[in-house]
C-alpha cells in the first residue's frame, strides 16, 4: 500500500495520472513499448484557450509517462472531415452557403489557405508550436482516405443495430436505431450532414444513402434529394463522432489515455461501450475536466463569439504564463479574460522563485508539486537560472509614460534606477520580450491593470488620506515620508501598508522605493489606481 506522503514523479496531478495509466496497462496485460496519448481537436472554428487546454493537459500526461521511464507518443488528431454546423460569430455570412459541407471542402474566407479547415488547423498548430508541444499530427481526411480506420468502420457497420441500441441506452437518442452510424459525403451537393445512410453492403464495402436533410444546431438543413453509394474504404464519408469514431480511433491507433471536456461526456461514455462491446478493445483511461468560462459565466465557444485565442494571449504574455493557467488546476470551472494575463505573468515569476529556492515552501509535498508544475510549464526543459523579474504593472506604467520612439531605452534606464537591472548586459531577450508585452498592453488598453486587493477599513482610510497627500506633494521623498505618516495615523504598521500599496500598484508584495516610483509613474496615474482599489473594495 502506498504511503500517503509518497511523492510520485514530480508530485503533480499529471505524475499521479501517468502512474495510474501504467498500472492499468499492466493489469490489462497490454505491452508497454509505446503508451500513446491522444487529443482530438475540431477544425470548424478558431482554436481558443479552452480547446488548447485539452491538448496541453494530454501532452503533460504524455510527458509524465516518459518521466517515469516509458516511451510515450502524443497524437493530435484533427477532425477536419467534420461538417460545418453553423457559422461562428464574427465569421463571414458567405459561409452560410457551405453549411453541412466538410470544413476542408469549404473555401478559406481569409484567402490564405487551401480551405476553411486548413486555416483553422494552421492556427491550432501555430499555437502548439509556440507553446513548445511535440506532437504527431494526424488529420481525419488523411486517416479516412488512407483506410486507417477501415477495419473499425466495417465492424461498426456490421454491428450497426447494436451500436444504435448502445446510443439509445446511454443517451435516449433513437436516431441510430433506424440509420447507420456513418455519414457519406453527398456526391451531388458535397454535404455530409444531410445524408442518411440506410444500408450497408459488406461485400462491396459500400453504404447506400439518400441526401434528405437533417436538423443541425436547431435549424433544418435541406438535402438535395440525391440517392447514391459511398465506399467507406476510399474515405467517402465518416463515422459520427458520437457513434463510434472515437472508439475507432482508439483501437486503430492503440490509444491508452485521452482526457475530455464535460460537454462531450455522453459521447465518451457511448464510445467506451462501442470500444468494448463492438471493437473488443479496452478504451483508454480518461480524465474529465471542466470548461473555461468568460467573465460573464458563458462557456468560451466559437459559436457564441466570445473566443479568447492563444494568439491574443501571446501578444500580452509568455507561453509559460499561459501554460501555468492551463496546468495548475485540472478540475473545476474557471472564469478567464485577457485581464488575467498580468496575474499569471507575476505568478510564473513566483513559481520560478520557488523552483530556484528563492522562496521557501515548508510543506514538502507542496514544494514538490510547485517545482513539478514549474517543470511542466517548461515541458521538462526549464532554464538553468532564473530570469529577471519585474512586476507586470511596473512595466505597463513605464510603458505608458515612455517617450515615443525610445520606449525600451527609457524603460531600461528606469529599471536601472529601481535596481531591477545593473547595466545593459542584464537587458536580456526575455526582459525585452516582457517590455514588448507591456507596450502592447498599453497600446491596446486604456487602463493599466491593477491587482484587486482586499482592504480593511483602516487601509481604506489610509489610502484616502494618502491620495490627498499625493495631490499636495510633488517631491518623491516627501511622498515617501507621507506613506509612513499616513500608516501610523491610521494605526497600521508601515511595513504592512507598503505591502498593500505594492500589491495595488505592482501586483507584487515588494518593489522599488514607492515615492520615486509614484513620481516617475505620474501622480495622476497612481491616484487613479488607488481610487480604483477603493471602488473594488466597496
Protein backbone atom coordinates (compact mmCIF):
# COMPACT_ATOMS: atom_id res chain seq x y z
CA UNK A 1 0.00 0.00 0.00
CA UNK A 2 1.37 3.43 -0.98
CA UNK A 3 2.28 5.84 1.79
CA UNK A 4 0.03 8.91 1.84
CA UNK A 5 3.08 11.22 1.82
CA UNK A 6 4.89 9.48 -1.05
CA UNK A 7 5.80 11.88 -3.86
CA UNK A 8 5.07 10.31 -7.25
CA UNK A 9 7.29 11.59 -10.04
CA UNK A 10 7.35 15.38 -9.78
CA UNK A 11 4.45 15.48 -7.35
CA UNK A 12 1.79 16.81 -9.73
CA UNK A 13 -1.62 15.52 -10.82
CA UNK A 14 -0.04 14.57 -14.17
CA UNK A 15 2.52 12.31 -12.49
CA UNK A 16 -0.18 10.58 -10.49
CA UNK A 17 -2.27 10.06 -13.65
CA UNK A 18 0.74 8.64 -15.51
CA UNK A 19 1.29 6.18 -12.67
CA UNK A 20 -2.37 5.11 -12.87
CA UNK A 21 -2.13 4.60 -16.64
CA UNK A 22 0.98 2.44 -16.36
CA UNK A 23 -0.51 0.34 -13.57
CA UNK A 24 -3.77 -0.11 -15.52
CA UNK A 25 -1.93 -1.19 -18.67
CA UNK A 26 -0.01 -3.75 -16.63
CA UNK A 27 -3.25 -5.14 -15.20
CA UNK A 28 -4.73 -5.38 -18.71
CA UNK A 29 -1.64 -7.26 -19.87
CA UNK A 30 -1.01 -4.87 -22.76
CA UNK A 31 2.52 -4.13 -23.95
CA UNK A 32 4.23 -1.05 -22.61
CA UNK A 33 6.61 -0.47 -25.53
CA UNK A 34 4.78 2.75 -26.50
CA UNK A 35 1.99 4.32 -24.44
CA UNK A 36 0.00 6.57 -26.77
CA UNK A 37 -1.93 9.62 -25.64
CA UNK A 38 -4.38 11.41 -27.93
CA UNK A 39 -6.10 14.76 -28.23
CA UNK A 40 -8.96 15.03 -30.68
CA UNK A 41 -9.39 18.60 -31.92
CA UNK A 42 -12.05 20.27 -34.04
CA UNK A 43 -11.34 22.26 -37.20
CA UNK A 44 -14.69 24.03 -37.56
CA UNK A 45 -13.82 27.23 -35.71
CA UNK A 46 -10.98 29.38 -34.41
CA UNK A 47 -8.98 27.47 -31.75
CA UNK A 48 -9.39 29.08 -28.32
CA UNK A 49 -7.94 28.74 -24.83
CA UNK A 50 -10.49 26.04 -23.98
CA UNK A 51 -9.66 23.84 -26.97
CA UNK A 52 -5.91 24.33 -26.48
CA UNK A 53 -6.23 23.35 -22.81
CA UNK A 54 -7.21 19.79 -23.73
CA UNK A 55 -4.12 19.40 -25.92
CA UNK A 56 -1.81 20.86 -23.28
CA UNK A 57 -3.13 18.64 -20.49
CA UNK A 58 -2.98 15.48 -22.56
CA UNK A 59 0.57 16.36 -23.58
CA UNK A 60 1.57 16.89 -19.95
CA UNK A 61 0.32 13.36 -19.18
CA UNK A 62 2.37 12.02 -22.10
CA UNK A 63 5.44 13.78 -20.70
CA UNK A 64 4.72 12.39 -17.23
CA UNK A 65 4.67 8.85 -18.67
CA UNK A 66 8.11 9.46 -20.17
CA UNK A 67 9.36 10.91 -16.88
CA UNK A 68 8.51 7.53 -15.32
CA UNK A 69 10.73 5.72 -17.79
CA UNK A 70 8.30 4.66 -20.53
CA UNK A 71 8.16 5.71 -24.15
CA UNK A 72 5.09 7.77 -24.98
CA UNK A 73 3.73 9.15 -28.23
CA UNK A 74 1.40 12.13 -28.30
CA UNK A 75 -1.08 12.30 -31.19
CA UNK A 76 -3.10 15.37 -32.15
CA UNK A 77 -5.99 14.13 -34.29
CA UNK A 78 -7.81 16.85 -36.22
CA UNK A 79 -11.44 16.13 -37.15
CA UNK A 80 -11.07 18.14 -40.36
CA UNK A 81 -13.59 15.94 -42.17
CA UNK A 82 -16.26 17.29 -39.84
CA UNK A 83 -19.08 19.30 -41.41
CA UNK A 84 -19.71 22.97 -40.67
CA UNK A 85 -22.79 23.03 -38.44
CA UNK A 86 -23.12 26.79 -38.01
CA UNK A 87 -21.31 29.99 -38.93
CA UNK A 88 -19.21 31.00 -35.92
CA UNK A 89 -19.89 34.51 -34.62
CA UNK A 90 -17.72 37.06 -36.38
CA UNK A 91 -17.18 34.90 -39.46
CA UNK A 92 -18.35 36.00 -42.96
CA UNK A 93 -22.00 35.30 -43.71
CA UNK A 94 -20.87 33.83 -47.03
CA UNK A 95 -20.12 30.63 -45.12
CA UNK A 96 -23.88 30.04 -44.85
CA UNK A 97 -23.94 28.51 -48.33
CA UNK A 98 -21.41 25.89 -47.19
CA UNK A 99 -23.24 24.67 -44.08
CA UNK A 100 -23.09 20.89 -43.81
CA UNK A 101 -20.00 20.52 -46.00
CA UNK A 102 -16.73 19.09 -44.63
CA UNK A 103 -14.61 22.01 -43.44
CA UNK A 104 -11.73 21.10 -45.76
CA UNK A 105 -14.09 21.34 -48.76
CA UNK A 106 -15.04 24.93 -47.91
CA UNK A 107 -13.01 27.83 -49.41
CA UNK A 108 -10.92 29.81 -46.93
CA UNK A 109 -12.80 33.12 -46.45
CA UNK A 110 -9.49 34.74 -45.48
CA UNK A 111 -7.86 33.65 -48.75
CA UNK A 112 -4.58 32.44 -47.25
CA UNK A 113 -5.06 28.67 -47.06
CA UNK A 114 -6.41 25.92 -49.28
CA UNK A 115 -9.64 25.65 -47.29
CA UNK A 116 -11.53 26.91 -44.25
CA UNK A 117 -10.49 23.78 -42.35
CA UNK A 118 -6.81 24.19 -43.28
CA UNK A 119 -6.91 27.76 -41.95
CA UNK A 120 -8.25 26.63 -38.56
CA UNK A 121 -5.78 23.75 -38.32
CA UNK A 122 -2.93 26.18 -39.09
CA UNK A 123 -3.98 28.44 -36.19
CA UNK A 124 -4.07 25.44 -33.86
CA UNK A 125 -0.67 24.09 -34.87
CA UNK A 126 0.85 27.58 -34.76
CA UNK A 127 -0.21 27.85 -31.11
CA UNK A 128 1.05 24.35 -30.24
CA UNK A 129 4.42 25.13 -31.81
CA UNK A 130 4.66 28.42 -29.92
CA UNK A 131 3.99 26.54 -26.67
CA UNK A 132 6.71 24.02 -27.48
CA UNK A 133 4.46 20.94 -27.68
CA UNK A 134 5.95 17.95 -29.51
CA UNK A 135 3.22 16.01 -31.30
CA UNK A 136 2.38 13.71 -34.17
CA UNK A 137 -0.31 15.38 -36.24
CA UNK A 138 -2.98 13.27 -37.92
CA UNK A 139 -5.95 14.50 -39.93
CA UNK A 140 -9.30 12.79 -40.38
CA UNK A 141 -9.19 13.48 -44.14
CA UNK A 142 -5.92 11.55 -44.47
CA UNK A 143 -6.90 8.83 -41.98
CA UNK A 144 -10.14 8.05 -43.84
CA UNK A 145 -8.55 8.49 -47.25
CA UNK A 146 -5.70 6.07 -46.50
CA UNK A 147 -8.04 3.50 -44.94
CA UNK A 148 -6.54 3.76 -41.46
CA UNK A 149 -9.95 3.16 -39.84
CA UNK A 150 -11.35 0.69 -42.39
CA UNK A 151 -11.35 -2.35 -40.11
CA UNK A 152 -13.08 -0.43 -37.33
CA UNK A 153 -15.64 1.13 -39.69
CA UNK A 154 -16.55 -2.30 -41.04
CA UNK A 155 -17.01 -3.76 -37.54
CA UNK A 156 -19.21 -0.83 -36.54
CA UNK A 157 -21.35 -1.01 -39.69
CA UNK A 158 -21.77 -4.79 -39.44
CA UNK A 159 -22.97 -4.29 -35.86
CA UNK A 160 -24.87 -1.07 -36.53
CA UNK A 161 -28.06 -2.29 -34.86
CA UNK A 162 -26.22 -2.92 -31.61
CA UNK A 163 -24.43 0.42 -31.91
CA UNK A 164 -27.83 2.12 -32.21
CA UNK A 165 -29.06 0.30 -29.10
CA UNK A 166 -25.98 1.38 -27.11
CA UNK A 167 -26.52 5.02 -28.12
CA UNK A 168 -30.21 4.76 -27.19
CA UNK A 169 -29.44 3.13 -23.82
CA UNK A 170 -26.85 5.76 -22.91
CA UNK A 171 -28.42 8.94 -24.29
CA UNK A 172 -32.05 8.19 -25.15
CA UNK A 173 -31.39 9.15 -28.78
CA UNK A 174 -33.34 6.89 -31.16
CA UNK A 175 -31.90 8.13 -34.45
CA UNK A 176 -29.28 5.40 -34.85
CA UNK A 177 -31.85 2.66 -34.32
CA UNK A 178 -33.04 3.48 -37.85
CA UNK A 179 -29.96 4.82 -39.67
CA UNK A 180 -26.37 3.65 -39.95
CA UNK A 181 -23.76 5.41 -37.76
CA UNK A 182 -21.98 6.70 -40.85
CA UNK A 183 -22.22 9.97 -42.79
CA UNK A 184 -21.43 9.72 -46.51
CA UNK A 185 -20.41 12.89 -48.33
CA UNK A 186 -23.15 13.54 -50.88
CA UNK A 187 -21.70 13.07 -54.36
CA UNK A 188 -24.12 15.68 -55.69
CA UNK A 189 -24.14 18.64 -53.26
CA UNK A 190 -20.98 17.85 -51.26
CA UNK A 191 -22.70 18.00 -47.87
CA UNK A 192 -22.05 15.43 -45.15
CA UNK A 193 -24.74 16.12 -42.54
CA UNK A 194 -27.70 16.00 -44.92
CA UNK A 195 -27.14 12.35 -45.87
CA UNK A 196 -28.95 9.41 -44.30
CA UNK A 197 -27.17 6.05 -44.63
CA UNK A 198 -29.77 3.27 -44.71
CA UNK A 199 -28.00 0.12 -45.96
CA UNK A 200 -24.54 -1.42 -45.73
CA UNK A 201 -23.24 -3.71 -48.49
CA UNK A 202 -20.36 -5.51 -46.75
CA UNK A 203 -19.19 -7.47 -49.80
CA UNK A 204 -18.85 -4.27 -51.82
CA UNK A 205 -17.64 -2.08 -48.97
CA UNK A 206 -20.33 0.46 -49.75
CA UNK A 207 -23.03 2.37 -47.91
CA UNK A 208 -26.28 3.38 -49.63
CA UNK A 209 -27.62 6.81 -48.73
CA UNK A 210 -30.12 9.49 -49.57
CA UNK A 211 -29.42 13.22 -49.17
CA UNK A 212 -32.66 14.20 -47.44
CA UNK A 213 -31.53 16.82 -44.91
CA UNK A 214 -31.21 16.96 -41.14
CA UNK A 215 -31.54 19.25 -38.18
CA UNK A 216 -28.25 20.94 -37.32
CA UNK A 217 -27.90 23.31 -34.38
CA UNK A 218 -31.65 23.84 -34.13
CA UNK A 219 -32.27 24.55 -37.82
CA UNK A 220 -33.23 22.31 -40.70
CA UNK A 221 -30.59 21.87 -43.37
CA UNK A 222 -32.30 20.79 -46.57
CA UNK A 223 -30.79 17.93 -48.59
CA UNK A 224 -30.63 17.80 -52.38
CA UNK A 225 -32.55 14.51 -52.68
CA UNK A 226 -29.70 12.65 -54.36
CA UNK A 227 -29.50 8.87 -53.88
CA UNK A 228 -26.08 7.31 -54.07
CA UNK A 229 -23.49 4.95 -52.66
CA UNK A 230 -20.31 5.74 -50.73
CA UNK A 231 -17.25 3.49 -50.49
CA UNK A 232 -16.07 3.72 -46.90
CA UNK A 233 -12.69 2.25 -47.89
CA UNK A 234 -11.94 5.31 -50.02
CA UNK A 235 -12.86 7.88 -47.38
CA UNK A 236 -16.16 8.91 -48.98
CA UNK A 237 -17.73 9.59 -45.60
CA UNK A 238 -17.05 9.38 -41.89
CA UNK A 239 -18.32 7.85 -38.67
CA UNK A 240 -20.37 10.05 -36.41
CA UNK A 241 -18.11 11.04 -33.51
CA UNK A 242 -20.89 10.16 -31.09
CA UNK A 243 -21.50 6.92 -32.97
CA UNK A 244 -18.12 5.25 -32.89
CA UNK A 245 -15.44 7.50 -34.36
CA UNK A 246 -13.68 7.96 -31.02
CA UNK A 247 -13.73 4.21 -30.44
CA UNK A 248 -12.45 3.54 -33.98
CA UNK A 249 -9.51 5.89 -33.45
CA UNK A 250 -8.69 4.39 -30.06
CA UNK A 251 -8.40 0.88 -31.47
CA UNK A 252 -6.73 1.82 -34.74
CA UNK A 253 -4.11 3.99 -33.02
CA UNK A 254 -3.87 1.94 -29.80
CA UNK A 255 -4.64 4.93 -27.57
CA UNK A 256 -4.17 4.44 -23.82
CA UNK A 257 -5.18 7.85 -22.42
CA UNK A 258 -7.37 10.74 -23.52
CA UNK A 259 -8.80 13.50 -21.34
CA UNK A 260 -12.08 15.13 -22.37
CA UNK A 261 -14.32 18.06 -21.53
CA UNK A 262 -17.55 17.51 -19.66
CA UNK A 263 -19.53 18.80 -22.68
CA UNK A 264 -18.85 15.51 -24.52
CA UNK A 265 -19.23 13.18 -21.53
CA UNK A 266 -22.19 11.35 -23.14
CA UNK A 267 -20.23 10.73 -26.33
CA UNK A 268 -17.24 9.36 -24.44
CA UNK A 269 -19.50 7.04 -22.44
CA UNK A 270 -21.09 5.74 -25.66
CA UNK A 271 -17.73 5.26 -27.35
CA UNK A 272 -16.32 3.42 -24.34
CA UNK A 273 -19.09 0.86 -24.72
CA UNK A 274 -18.69 0.63 -28.50
CA UNK A 275 -14.97 0.12 -28.00
CA UNK A 276 -15.52 -2.73 -25.53
CA UNK A 277 -18.65 -4.39 -26.94
CA UNK A 278 -18.20 -3.93 -30.69
CA UNK A 279 -14.46 -3.48 -31.26
CA UNK A 280 -13.26 -5.68 -28.37
CA UNK A 281 -10.75 -3.00 -27.35
CA UNK A 282 -10.44 -1.75 -23.79
CA UNK A 283 -10.84 2.03 -24.18
CA UNK A 284 -8.21 4.44 -22.92
CA UNK A 285 -8.20 5.72 -19.37
CA UNK A 286 -9.96 9.06 -19.22
CA UNK A 287 -9.95 12.16 -17.06
CA UNK A 288 -12.75 14.70 -17.29
CA UNK A 289 -12.02 18.39 -17.00
CA UNK A 290 -14.27 21.43 -16.64
CA UNK A 291 -14.74 24.19 -19.20
CA UNK A 292 -13.24 27.66 -19.23
CA UNK A 293 -15.87 30.39 -18.94
CA UNK A 294 -15.66 34.07 -19.81
CA UNK A 295 -16.17 36.68 -17.09
CA UNK A 296 -19.93 36.64 -17.69
CA UNK A 297 -20.03 32.91 -16.93
CA UNK A 298 -20.57 31.72 -20.52
CA UNK A 299 -18.59 28.81 -21.93
CA UNK A 300 -15.85 30.03 -24.25
CA UNK A 301 -17.02 28.91 -27.67
CA UNK A 302 -16.62 29.73 -31.36
CA UNK A 303 -20.40 29.75 -31.84
CA UNK A 304 -21.07 32.44 -29.23
CA UNK A 305 -18.24 34.64 -30.46
CA UNK A 306 -16.50 35.04 -27.09
CA UNK A 307 -13.37 33.31 -28.37
CA UNK A 308 -10.19 34.00 -26.37
CA UNK A 309 -7.39 32.74 -28.59
CA UNK A 310 -3.85 31.73 -27.66
CA UNK A 311 -2.64 34.26 -30.24
CA UNK A 312 -4.24 37.02 -28.13
CA UNK A 313 -2.50 35.69 -25.00
CA UNK A 314 0.88 35.65 -26.76
CA UNK A 315 0.53 39.36 -27.52
CA UNK A 316 0.48 40.25 -23.81
CA UNK A 317 2.04 37.28 -22.02
CA UNK A 318 4.57 34.48 -22.32
CA UNK A 319 3.77 30.93 -23.43
CA UNK A 320 4.75 29.73 -19.94
CA UNK A 321 2.24 32.05 -18.26
CA UNK A 322 -0.49 30.54 -20.43
CA UNK A 323 0.70 27.03 -19.63
CA UNK A 324 0.51 27.91 -15.93
CA UNK A 325 -3.16 28.84 -16.39
CA UNK A 326 -3.87 25.55 -18.18
CA UNK A 327 -1.82 23.21 -15.98
CA UNK A 328 -2.11 24.49 -12.42
CA UNK A 329 -5.58 23.00 -11.97
CA UNK A 330 -7.16 20.14 -13.88
CA UNK A 331 -10.63 20.12 -12.36
CA UNK A 332 -13.03 22.97 -11.61
CA UNK A 333 -14.54 25.63 -13.84
CA UNK A 334 -12.58 28.86 -14.21
CA UNK A 335 -13.56 32.29 -15.49
CA UNK A 336 -10.85 33.91 -17.59
CA UNK A 337 -10.25 37.02 -19.66
CA UNK A 338 -7.34 38.99 -21.09
CA UNK A 339 -7.20 40.93 -17.81
CA UNK A 340 -5.87 37.79 -16.08
CA UNK A 341 -2.64 37.69 -18.11
CA UNK A 342 -0.61 40.07 -15.87
CA UNK A 343 -1.52 37.98 -12.81
CA UNK A 344 -0.27 34.79 -14.43
CA UNK A 345 2.93 36.52 -15.57
CA UNK A 346 3.61 37.54 -11.97
CA UNK A 347 2.61 34.13 -10.64
CA UNK A 348 5.01 32.43 -13.05
CA UNK A 349 7.81 34.58 -11.60
CA UNK A 350 6.83 33.48 -8.09
CA UNK A 351 6.79 29.85 -9.19
CA UNK A 352 10.27 30.30 -10.64
CA UNK A 353 11.46 31.67 -7.30
CA UNK A 354 10.10 28.56 -5.61
CA UNK A 355 11.85 26.32 -8.15
CA UNK A 356 15.23 28.04 -7.68
CA UNK A 357 14.88 28.15 -3.88
CA UNK A 358 14.42 31.90 -3.54
CA UNK A 359 11.02 31.34 -1.89
CA UNK A 360 10.77 28.66 0.74
CA UNK A 361 7.75 26.36 0.98
CA UNK A 362 7.61 24.49 4.29
CA UNK A 363 5.35 21.63 3.23
CA UNK A 364 7.46 19.02 1.41
CA UNK A 365 4.60 17.73 -0.76
CA UNK A 366 3.50 21.23 -1.74
CA UNK A 367 7.06 22.24 -2.58
CA UNK A 368 7.50 19.17 -4.82
CA UNK A 369 4.19 19.88 -6.57
CA UNK A 370 5.06 23.53 -7.23
CA UNK A 371 8.53 22.69 -8.53
CA UNK A 372 6.98 19.96 -10.67
CA UNK A 373 4.39 22.39 -12.02
CA UNK A 374 7.20 24.76 -12.99
CA UNK A 375 8.92 21.97 -14.93
CA UNK A 376 5.70 21.09 -16.75
CA UNK A 377 5.22 24.76 -17.66
CA UNK A 378 8.57 24.41 -19.42
CA UNK A 379 7.71 20.90 -20.70
CA UNK A 380 10.64 19.42 -18.76
CA UNK A 381 13.18 21.87 -20.24
CA UNK A 382 13.40 24.53 -17.50
CA UNK A 383 16.01 27.30 -17.70
CA UNK A 384 19.27 26.80 -15.82
CA UNK A 385 18.96 30.13 -13.99
CA UNK A 386 16.08 32.43 -13.08
CA UNK A 387 15.08 35.35 -15.27
CA UNK A 388 14.95 39.00 -14.14
CA UNK A 389 11.56 39.54 -12.55
CA UNK A 390 9.85 42.88 -12.99
CA UNK A 391 6.18 43.08 -11.91
CA UNK A 392 3.87 43.49 -14.90
CA UNK A 393 2.40 46.72 -13.56
CA UNK A 394 5.84 48.32 -13.25
CA UNK A 395 6.42 47.66 -16.94
CA UNK A 396 2.97 48.85 -18.01
CA UNK A 397 3.29 52.09 -16.03
CA UNK A 398 6.71 52.70 -17.54
CA UNK A 399 5.36 51.82 -20.99
CA UNK A 400 2.58 54.36 -20.53
CA UNK A 401 4.91 57.28 -19.70
CA UNK A 402 7.79 56.28 -22.01
CA UNK A 403 8.57 58.80 -24.80
CA UNK A 404 7.57 57.57 -28.26
CA UNK A 405 10.42 56.12 -30.28
CA UNK A 406 12.73 55.39 -27.34
CA UNK A 407 10.50 53.27 -25.13
CA UNK A 408 12.95 50.42 -24.48
CA UNK A 409 15.84 52.77 -23.63
CA UNK A 410 13.63 54.80 -21.27
CA UNK A 411 12.24 51.71 -19.54
CA UNK A 412 15.74 50.18 -19.22
CA UNK A 413 17.02 53.40 -17.59
CA UNK A 414 14.16 53.36 -15.09
CA UNK A 415 14.71 49.68 -14.31
CA UNK A 416 18.34 50.53 -13.50
CA UNK A 417 17.17 53.37 -11.25
CA UNK A 418 14.82 50.96 -9.45
CA UNK A 419 17.51 48.31 -9.01
CA UNK A 420 15.93 45.63 -11.21
CA UNK A 421 18.95 45.60 -13.51
CA UNK A 422 22.51 46.85 -13.02
CA UNK A 423 23.69 47.51 -16.56
CA UNK A 424 22.96 46.98 -20.25
CA UNK A 425 24.11 43.33 -20.14
CA UNK A 426 21.09 42.46 -17.97
CA UNK A 427 18.63 43.76 -20.57
CA UNK A 428 18.13 40.18 -21.76
CA UNK A 429 15.97 38.97 -24.64
CA UNK A 430 13.48 37.70 -22.05
CA UNK A 431 13.27 41.13 -20.42
CA UNK A 432 12.93 42.83 -23.81
CA UNK A 433 10.04 40.47 -24.56
CA UNK A 434 8.39 41.41 -21.26
CA UNK A 435 8.74 45.08 -22.17
CA UNK A 436 7.13 44.30 -25.54
CA UNK A 437 4.17 42.64 -23.77
CA UNK A 438 3.73 45.76 -21.64
CA UNK A 439 3.97 48.09 -24.65
CA UNK A 440 1.31 46.01 -26.43
CA UNK A 441 -0.91 46.17 -23.35
CA UNK A 442 -0.67 49.95 -23.07
CA UNK A 443 -1.16 50.33 -26.83
CA UNK A 444 -4.35 48.23 -26.83
CA UNK A 445 -5.97 49.08 -23.50
CA UNK A 446 -6.58 52.48 -21.96
CA UNK A 447 -6.44 51.18 -18.41
CA UNK A 448 -3.40 49.69 -16.78
CA UNK A 449 -4.30 46.55 -14.93
CA UNK A 450 -4.48 46.78 -11.14
CA UNK A 451 -4.50 43.85 -8.80
CA UNK A 452 -7.67 43.63 -6.72
CA UNK A 453 -6.64 43.70 -3.07
CA UNK A 454 -8.90 43.05 -0.11
CA UNK A 455 -8.72 46.14 2.12
CA UNK A 456 -9.56 46.63 5.79
CA UNK A 457 -11.40 49.78 6.87
CA UNK A 458 -8.14 51.16 8.29
CA UNK A 459 -6.37 50.56 4.97
CA UNK A 460 -9.18 52.22 3.03
CA UNK A 461 -8.98 55.29 5.29
CA UNK A 462 -5.20 55.37 4.92
CA UNK A 463 -5.44 55.20 1.12
CA UNK A 464 -7.93 58.11 1.08
CA UNK A 465 -5.53 60.19 3.21
CA UNK A 466 -2.58 59.18 1.02
CA UNK A 467 -4.41 60.30 -2.12
CA UNK A 468 -4.80 63.77 -0.54
CA UNK A 469 -1.08 63.86 0.32
CA UNK A 470 -0.04 62.78 -3.19
CA UNK A 471 -2.24 65.54 -4.64
CA UNK A 472 -0.49 68.09 -2.41
CA UNK A 473 3.12 66.85 -2.68
CA UNK A 474 5.33 66.85 -5.77
CA UNK A 475 8.68 65.65 -4.38
CA UNK A 476 9.44 61.94 -4.27
CA UNK A 477 10.97 61.97 -0.78
CA UNK A 478 8.04 63.88 0.69
CA UNK A 479 5.62 61.30 -0.79
CA UNK A 480 7.82 58.51 0.64
CA UNK A 481 7.62 60.11 4.09
CA UNK A 482 3.88 60.67 3.71
CA UNK A 483 3.33 56.91 3.31
CA UNK A 484 4.95 56.27 6.71
CA UNK A 485 2.98 59.09 8.35
CA UNK A 486 -0.38 58.04 6.88
CA UNK A 487 0.17 54.45 8.00
CA UNK A 488 0.87 55.45 11.62
CA UNK A 489 -2.03 57.94 11.69
CA UNK A 490 -4.37 55.07 10.77
CA UNK A 491 -2.93 52.53 13.23
CA UNK A 492 -1.21 50.48 10.52
CA UNK A 493 2.30 49.09 10.55
CA UNK A 494 4.19 50.93 7.79
CA UNK A 495 5.62 47.62 6.53
CA UNK A 496 2.10 46.20 6.06
CA UNK A 497 0.81 49.39 4.41
CA UNK A 498 3.72 49.44 1.98
CA UNK A 499 2.95 45.82 1.09
CA UNK A 500 -0.69 46.73 0.40
CA UNK A 501 0.36 49.61 -1.86
CA UNK A 502 2.83 47.41 -3.73
CA UNK A 503 0.09 44.83 -4.34
CA UNK A 504 -2.28 47.51 -5.65
CA UNK A 505 0.24 49.27 -7.88
CA UNK A 506 2.60 46.46 -8.88
CA UNK A 507 0.71 43.23 -8.28
CA UNK A 508 3.67 42.08 -6.16
CA UNK A 509 4.46 42.35 -2.41
CA UNK A 510 7.61 44.44 -2.87
CA UNK A 511 9.35 46.65 -5.38
CA UNK A 512 11.25 49.92 -5.84
CA UNK A 513 11.01 52.80 -3.36
CA UNK A 514 7.43 53.97 -3.69
CA UNK A 515 7.97 57.76 -3.52
CA UNK A 516 10.26 57.96 -6.56
CA UNK A 517 8.20 55.30 -8.32
CA UNK A 518 4.96 57.24 -7.87
CA UNK A 519 6.54 60.43 -9.24
CA UNK A 520 8.02 58.58 -12.22
CA UNK A 521 4.69 56.93 -12.99
CA UNK A 522 2.82 60.20 -12.81
CA UNK A 523 0.91 61.10 -9.68
CA UNK A 524 -2.39 61.22 -11.59
CA UNK A 525 -1.91 57.59 -12.72
CA UNK A 526 -1.13 56.48 -9.19
CA UNK A 527 -4.16 58.31 -7.76
CA UNK A 528 -6.38 56.71 -10.39
CA UNK A 529 -5.09 53.24 -9.42
CA UNK A 530 -5.61 53.89 -5.71
CA UNK A 531 -9.13 55.23 -6.29
CA UNK A 532 -9.92 52.11 -8.34
CA UNK A 533 -8.76 49.91 -5.43
CA UNK A 534 -11.22 51.72 -3.15
CA UNK A 535 -14.06 51.20 -5.65
CA UNK A 536 -13.26 47.48 -5.87
CA UNK A 537 -13.18 47.20 -2.07
CA UNK A 538 -16.60 48.84 -1.53
